N, C-alpha and C. Protein backbone atom coordinates (compact mmCIF):
# COMPACT_ATOMS: atom_id res chain seq x y z
N MET A 1 175.24 48.65 -41.18
CA MET A 1 175.90 49.63 -42.00
C MET A 1 175.77 50.94 -41.26
N ASN A 2 177.06 51.85 -41.24
CA ASN A 2 176.65 52.82 -40.49
C ASN A 2 176.62 54.05 -41.42
N TRP A 3 176.31 55.50 -41.14
CA TRP A 3 175.87 56.41 -42.12
C TRP A 3 177.35 56.74 -43.02
N LYS A 4 178.73 56.80 -42.34
CA LYS A 4 179.94 56.98 -43.25
C LYS A 4 179.90 56.10 -44.13
N GLN A 5 179.79 54.77 -43.79
CA GLN A 5 179.81 53.78 -44.96
C GLN A 5 178.86 54.01 -46.06
N ALA A 6 177.68 54.26 -45.68
CA ALA A 6 176.60 54.50 -46.60
C ALA A 6 176.98 55.74 -47.56
N GLU A 7 177.36 56.60 -47.16
CA GLU A 7 177.27 57.75 -47.81
C GLU A 7 178.98 57.28 -48.77
N THR A 8 179.82 56.85 -48.48
CA THR A 8 180.89 56.14 -49.15
C THR A 8 180.33 55.27 -50.32
N ASP A 9 179.67 54.31 -49.92
CA ASP A 9 179.20 53.35 -51.19
C ASP A 9 178.26 54.14 -51.89
N TYR A 10 177.50 55.10 -51.57
CA TYR A 10 176.75 55.89 -52.31
C TYR A 10 177.43 56.83 -53.33
N GLU A 11 178.10 57.58 -52.84
CA GLU A 11 179.07 58.11 -53.92
C GLU A 11 179.78 57.43 -54.76
N TYR A 12 180.14 56.08 -54.56
CA TYR A 12 180.78 55.26 -55.24
C TYR A 12 179.80 54.97 -56.75
N TYR A 13 178.47 54.48 -55.88
CA TYR A 13 177.43 54.36 -56.97
C TYR A 13 176.99 55.42 -58.10
N LEU A 14 177.18 56.47 -57.47
CA LEU A 14 176.34 57.69 -58.13
C LEU A 14 177.66 58.06 -59.16
N LYS A 15 179.07 57.72 -58.93
CA LYS A 15 180.13 58.13 -59.97
C LYS A 15 180.38 57.12 -60.70
N ILE A 16 180.27 55.82 -60.38
CA ILE A 16 180.66 54.77 -61.43
C ILE A 16 179.29 54.18 -62.41
N GLU A 17 178.44 53.93 -61.40
CA GLU A 17 177.16 53.65 -61.93
C GLU A 17 176.36 54.39 -62.63
N ARG A 18 175.74 55.46 -61.86
CA ARG A 18 175.47 56.56 -62.62
C ARG A 18 175.73 57.61 -63.38
N GLY A 19 177.12 57.64 -63.28
CA GLY A 19 178.30 58.75 -64.55
C GLY A 19 177.69 60.09 -63.92
N LEU A 20 177.69 60.48 -62.70
CA LEU A 20 177.17 61.97 -62.41
C LEU A 20 178.24 62.56 -62.69
N ALA A 21 177.96 64.12 -62.94
CA ALA A 21 179.04 65.03 -62.65
C ALA A 21 179.59 65.24 -61.61
N ALA A 22 180.68 65.75 -60.67
CA ALA A 22 181.20 65.90 -59.56
C ALA A 22 180.33 66.97 -58.68
N ASN A 23 179.95 67.86 -59.43
CA ASN A 23 178.71 68.81 -58.64
C ASN A 23 177.50 67.96 -58.29
N SER A 24 176.89 67.19 -59.48
CA SER A 24 175.56 66.47 -58.74
C SER A 24 176.03 65.63 -57.66
N ILE A 25 177.09 65.07 -57.66
CA ILE A 25 177.41 64.02 -57.03
C ILE A 25 177.48 64.80 -55.34
N SER A 26 178.26 65.78 -55.32
CA SER A 26 178.18 66.31 -54.16
C SER A 26 177.35 67.01 -53.65
N ASN A 27 176.20 67.33 -54.60
CA ASN A 27 174.83 67.46 -54.01
C ASN A 27 174.13 66.63 -53.27
N TYR A 28 174.26 65.52 -54.14
CA TYR A 28 173.41 64.11 -53.43
C TYR A 28 173.88 63.68 -52.20
N ILE A 29 175.41 63.94 -52.04
CA ILE A 29 176.14 63.50 -50.76
C ILE A 29 175.75 64.43 -49.56
N ARG A 30 175.92 65.87 -50.19
CA ARG A 30 175.58 67.00 -48.88
C ARG A 30 174.04 66.66 -48.59
N ASP A 31 173.13 66.39 -49.25
CA ASP A 31 171.67 65.99 -48.83
C ASP A 31 171.90 64.94 -47.71
N VAL A 32 172.54 63.89 -47.84
CA VAL A 32 172.51 62.68 -46.93
C VAL A 32 173.29 63.38 -45.84
N GLU A 33 174.33 64.17 -45.85
CA GLU A 33 175.22 64.44 -44.83
C GLU A 33 174.10 65.35 -43.91
N LYS A 34 173.59 66.41 -44.62
CA LYS A 34 172.48 67.35 -43.92
C LYS A 34 171.40 66.42 -42.91
N LEU A 35 171.14 65.10 -43.40
CA LEU A 35 170.03 64.14 -42.73
C LEU A 35 171.06 63.97 -41.44
N ARG A 36 172.24 63.28 -41.59
CA ARG A 36 172.94 62.58 -40.70
C ARG A 36 173.20 63.65 -39.38
N ILE A 37 173.72 64.52 -39.91
CA ILE A 37 174.10 65.96 -38.77
C ILE A 37 172.60 66.23 -38.20
N PHE A 38 171.47 66.35 -38.82
CA PHE A 38 170.19 66.56 -38.06
C PHE A 38 170.01 65.54 -36.64
N LEU A 39 170.27 64.06 -37.35
CA LEU A 39 169.98 63.10 -36.38
C LEU A 39 170.87 62.79 -35.26
N GLU A 40 172.42 63.25 -35.46
CA GLU A 40 173.37 63.61 -34.50
C GLU A 40 173.14 64.57 -33.51
N ASN A 41 172.57 65.85 -34.42
CA ASN A 41 172.39 67.16 -33.17
C ASN A 41 170.80 66.66 -32.44
N ASN A 42 170.33 65.96 -32.95
CA ASN A 42 168.98 65.86 -32.07
C ASN A 42 168.87 64.23 -31.25
N GLY A 43 170.31 63.63 -31.19
CA GLY A 43 170.55 62.60 -30.53
C GLY A 43 169.48 61.27 -30.80
N ILE A 44 169.12 61.33 -32.11
CA ILE A 44 168.71 59.83 -32.91
C ILE A 44 169.55 59.21 -33.30
N ASP A 45 169.36 58.06 -32.57
CA ASP A 45 170.75 56.89 -32.91
C ASP A 45 169.98 55.71 -33.93
N LYS A 46 169.85 56.27 -35.18
CA LYS A 46 169.15 55.19 -36.16
C LYS A 46 170.09 55.15 -37.56
N SER A 47 170.36 54.33 -38.18
CA SER A 47 171.17 54.08 -38.90
C SER A 47 170.31 54.29 -40.49
N PRO A 48 171.20 54.30 -41.62
CA PRO A 48 170.17 54.34 -42.78
C PRO A 48 169.09 53.07 -42.97
N ILE A 49 169.36 52.01 -42.13
CA ILE A 49 168.72 50.72 -42.49
C ILE A 49 167.42 50.93 -41.73
N SER A 50 167.55 51.42 -40.46
CA SER A 50 166.53 51.48 -39.60
C SER A 50 165.95 52.53 -39.47
N LEU A 51 165.91 53.96 -40.22
CA LEU A 51 165.51 55.17 -40.28
C LEU A 51 163.88 54.91 -40.71
N ASP A 52 163.06 55.63 -40.02
CA ASP A 52 161.78 55.67 -40.19
C ASP A 52 161.20 56.62 -40.74
N ARG A 53 159.81 56.51 -41.27
CA ARG A 53 159.30 57.82 -41.93
C ARG A 53 159.22 59.02 -41.14
N GLU A 54 158.73 58.72 -39.91
CA GLU A 54 158.45 59.65 -38.82
C GLU A 54 159.54 60.63 -38.79
N THR A 55 160.65 59.88 -38.34
CA THR A 55 162.05 60.96 -38.31
C THR A 55 162.37 61.33 -39.57
N LEU A 56 161.95 60.74 -40.65
CA LEU A 56 162.36 61.81 -41.87
C LEU A 56 161.44 63.11 -42.27
N GLN A 57 160.08 62.83 -41.56
CA GLN A 57 159.01 63.68 -41.65
C GLN A 57 159.36 64.99 -40.92
N LEU A 58 160.20 64.50 -39.64
CA LEU A 58 160.67 65.63 -38.72
C LEU A 58 162.02 66.33 -39.24
N PHE A 59 162.83 65.71 -40.05
CA PHE A 59 163.57 66.25 -40.55
C PHE A 59 163.63 67.24 -41.64
N ILE A 60 162.33 66.71 -42.54
CA ILE A 60 161.95 67.72 -43.78
C ILE A 60 161.07 68.90 -42.97
N TYR A 61 160.14 68.80 -41.79
CA TYR A 61 159.88 69.76 -41.30
C TYR A 61 160.89 71.11 -40.72
N GLU A 62 161.95 70.44 -40.29
CA GLU A 62 163.00 71.17 -39.87
C GLU A 62 163.65 72.14 -40.90
N VAL A 63 163.86 71.38 -42.15
CA VAL A 63 164.61 71.82 -42.99
C VAL A 63 163.90 73.03 -43.83
N ALA A 64 162.14 73.00 -43.61
CA ALA A 64 161.09 73.69 -44.02
C ALA A 64 161.27 74.96 -43.77
N LYS A 65 161.63 74.92 -42.27
CA LYS A 65 161.77 76.28 -41.70
C LYS A 65 163.05 76.98 -41.90
N GLU A 66 164.35 76.69 -42.74
CA GLU A 66 165.37 77.25 -43.05
C GLU A 66 165.53 77.10 -44.53
N VAL A 67 164.73 76.66 -45.40
CA VAL A 67 164.83 76.95 -46.86
C VAL A 67 163.75 77.05 -47.67
N GLY A 68 163.71 77.64 -48.72
CA GLY A 68 162.54 77.42 -49.66
C GLY A 68 162.06 76.32 -50.13
N PRO A 69 160.90 76.49 -50.74
CA PRO A 69 160.30 75.15 -51.42
C PRO A 69 160.94 74.53 -52.24
N ARG A 70 161.85 75.28 -53.13
CA ARG A 70 162.64 74.48 -54.43
C ARG A 70 163.72 73.76 -53.60
N SER A 71 164.27 74.38 -52.60
CA SER A 71 165.55 73.87 -51.98
C SER A 71 164.99 72.52 -51.28
N GLN A 72 163.82 72.62 -50.61
CA GLN A 72 163.09 71.34 -50.14
C GLN A 72 162.93 70.25 -50.90
N ALA A 73 162.29 70.66 -51.90
CA ALA A 73 162.22 69.47 -53.13
C ALA A 73 163.62 69.07 -53.65
N ARG A 74 164.67 69.61 -53.42
CA ARG A 74 165.72 69.29 -54.09
C ARG A 74 166.28 68.09 -52.97
N ILE A 75 166.15 68.82 -51.66
CA ILE A 75 166.74 68.05 -50.81
C ILE A 75 166.01 66.36 -50.64
N ILE A 76 164.61 66.76 -50.76
CA ILE A 76 163.72 65.44 -50.69
C ILE A 76 164.42 64.45 -51.80
N SER A 77 164.16 65.05 -52.84
CA SER A 77 164.49 64.18 -54.31
C SER A 77 166.27 63.70 -54.16
N GLY A 78 166.60 64.20 -53.35
CA GLY A 78 168.35 63.84 -53.14
C GLY A 78 168.36 62.31 -52.26
N LEU A 79 167.46 62.52 -51.33
CA LEU A 79 167.05 61.40 -50.38
C LEU A 79 166.11 60.37 -50.70
N LYS A 80 165.54 61.06 -51.63
CA LYS A 80 165.08 59.53 -52.23
C LYS A 80 165.71 58.98 -53.19
N SER A 81 166.65 59.45 -54.01
CA SER A 81 167.60 58.80 -54.72
C SER A 81 168.42 58.00 -53.69
N PHE A 82 168.81 58.41 -52.15
CA PHE A 82 169.66 57.51 -51.30
C PHE A 82 169.06 56.61 -50.95
N PHE A 83 167.98 56.74 -50.71
CA PHE A 83 166.99 55.29 -50.07
C PHE A 83 166.57 54.44 -51.01
N ASN A 84 166.44 55.02 -52.42
CA ASN A 84 166.17 54.09 -53.54
C ASN A 84 167.54 53.26 -53.68
N TYR A 85 168.42 53.88 -53.64
CA TYR A 85 170.04 53.25 -53.65
C TYR A 85 170.26 52.04 -52.64
N LEU A 86 169.86 52.48 -51.42
CA LEU A 86 169.81 51.03 -50.42
C LEU A 86 168.81 50.09 -50.84
N VAL A 87 167.41 50.27 -51.15
CA VAL A 87 166.60 49.46 -51.44
C VAL A 87 167.36 48.37 -52.94
N PHE A 88 167.76 49.21 -54.07
CA PHE A 88 168.47 48.44 -55.00
C PHE A 88 169.58 47.63 -54.47
N GLU A 89 170.28 48.37 -53.77
CA GLU A 89 171.51 46.97 -52.97
C GLU A 89 170.94 46.08 -52.25
N ASP A 90 169.61 45.87 -51.84
CA ASP A 90 169.12 45.05 -50.78
C ASP A 90 169.51 45.33 -49.19
N TYR A 91 169.77 46.59 -48.99
CA TYR A 91 170.00 47.07 -47.74
C TYR A 91 168.60 47.34 -47.01
N ARG A 92 167.88 47.64 -47.52
CA ARG A 92 166.51 47.94 -47.12
C ARG A 92 165.33 47.44 -48.17
N LYS A 93 164.19 47.12 -47.71
CA LYS A 93 163.04 46.67 -48.13
C LYS A 93 162.03 47.46 -48.66
N ASP A 94 162.18 48.61 -48.43
CA ASP A 94 161.31 49.98 -48.60
C ASP A 94 162.22 50.80 -48.22
N THR A 95 161.69 52.18 -48.88
CA THR A 95 162.11 53.55 -48.59
C THR A 95 161.27 54.20 -47.78
N PRO A 96 161.39 54.92 -46.84
CA PRO A 96 160.66 55.56 -45.80
C PRO A 96 160.04 56.95 -46.50
N LEU A 97 160.58 57.15 -47.81
CA LEU A 97 160.15 58.38 -48.41
C LEU A 97 158.71 58.34 -49.30
N ASP A 98 158.49 56.86 -49.59
CA ASP A 98 157.50 56.52 -50.51
C ASP A 98 156.04 57.52 -50.36
N LEU A 99 155.80 57.69 -49.40
CA LEU A 99 154.64 58.70 -49.24
C LEU A 99 154.78 60.18 -48.96
N ILE A 100 155.88 60.76 -48.88
CA ILE A 100 156.39 61.78 -48.64
C ILE A 100 156.45 62.58 -50.22
N GLU A 101 155.47 63.70 -49.86
CA GLU A 101 155.88 64.64 -51.59
C GLU A 101 156.64 65.73 -51.45
N SER A 102 157.19 66.10 -52.22
CA SER A 102 157.84 67.50 -52.34
C SER A 102 156.87 68.34 -52.50
N PRO A 103 157.44 69.72 -51.86
CA PRO A 103 156.17 70.73 -52.10
C PRO A 103 155.84 71.30 -53.38
N LYS A 104 155.18 71.98 -53.63
CA LYS A 104 154.51 72.54 -55.01
C LYS A 104 155.91 73.79 -55.21
N ILE A 105 155.96 73.93 -56.48
CA ILE A 105 156.80 75.04 -56.46
C ILE A 105 156.04 75.61 -57.78
N GLY A 106 156.22 77.13 -57.48
CA GLY A 106 155.70 78.17 -58.56
C GLY A 106 154.19 78.18 -58.42
């Protein structure tokens, strides 16, 4: 499964299965796109199925340099939703975000 197909399927899932509003869906998809763009820009050739915890930690570290804790927490939450979807659909056995915590807010 490539990134574009995963994003398309995930968007469909959010729209049909979860019944989310268009703004919510675009925010979830934007989080996945940020991760995909990060991987492309850094020459990391990993699919959504093969992505590991270390690579995600590197992405989150880079995001932390650019945005505040609230935005970091939202991005992590969006990615957790994406990887939970992949587990739900049996594309993955586990989510690489299981042990990654969101930053404390407030």
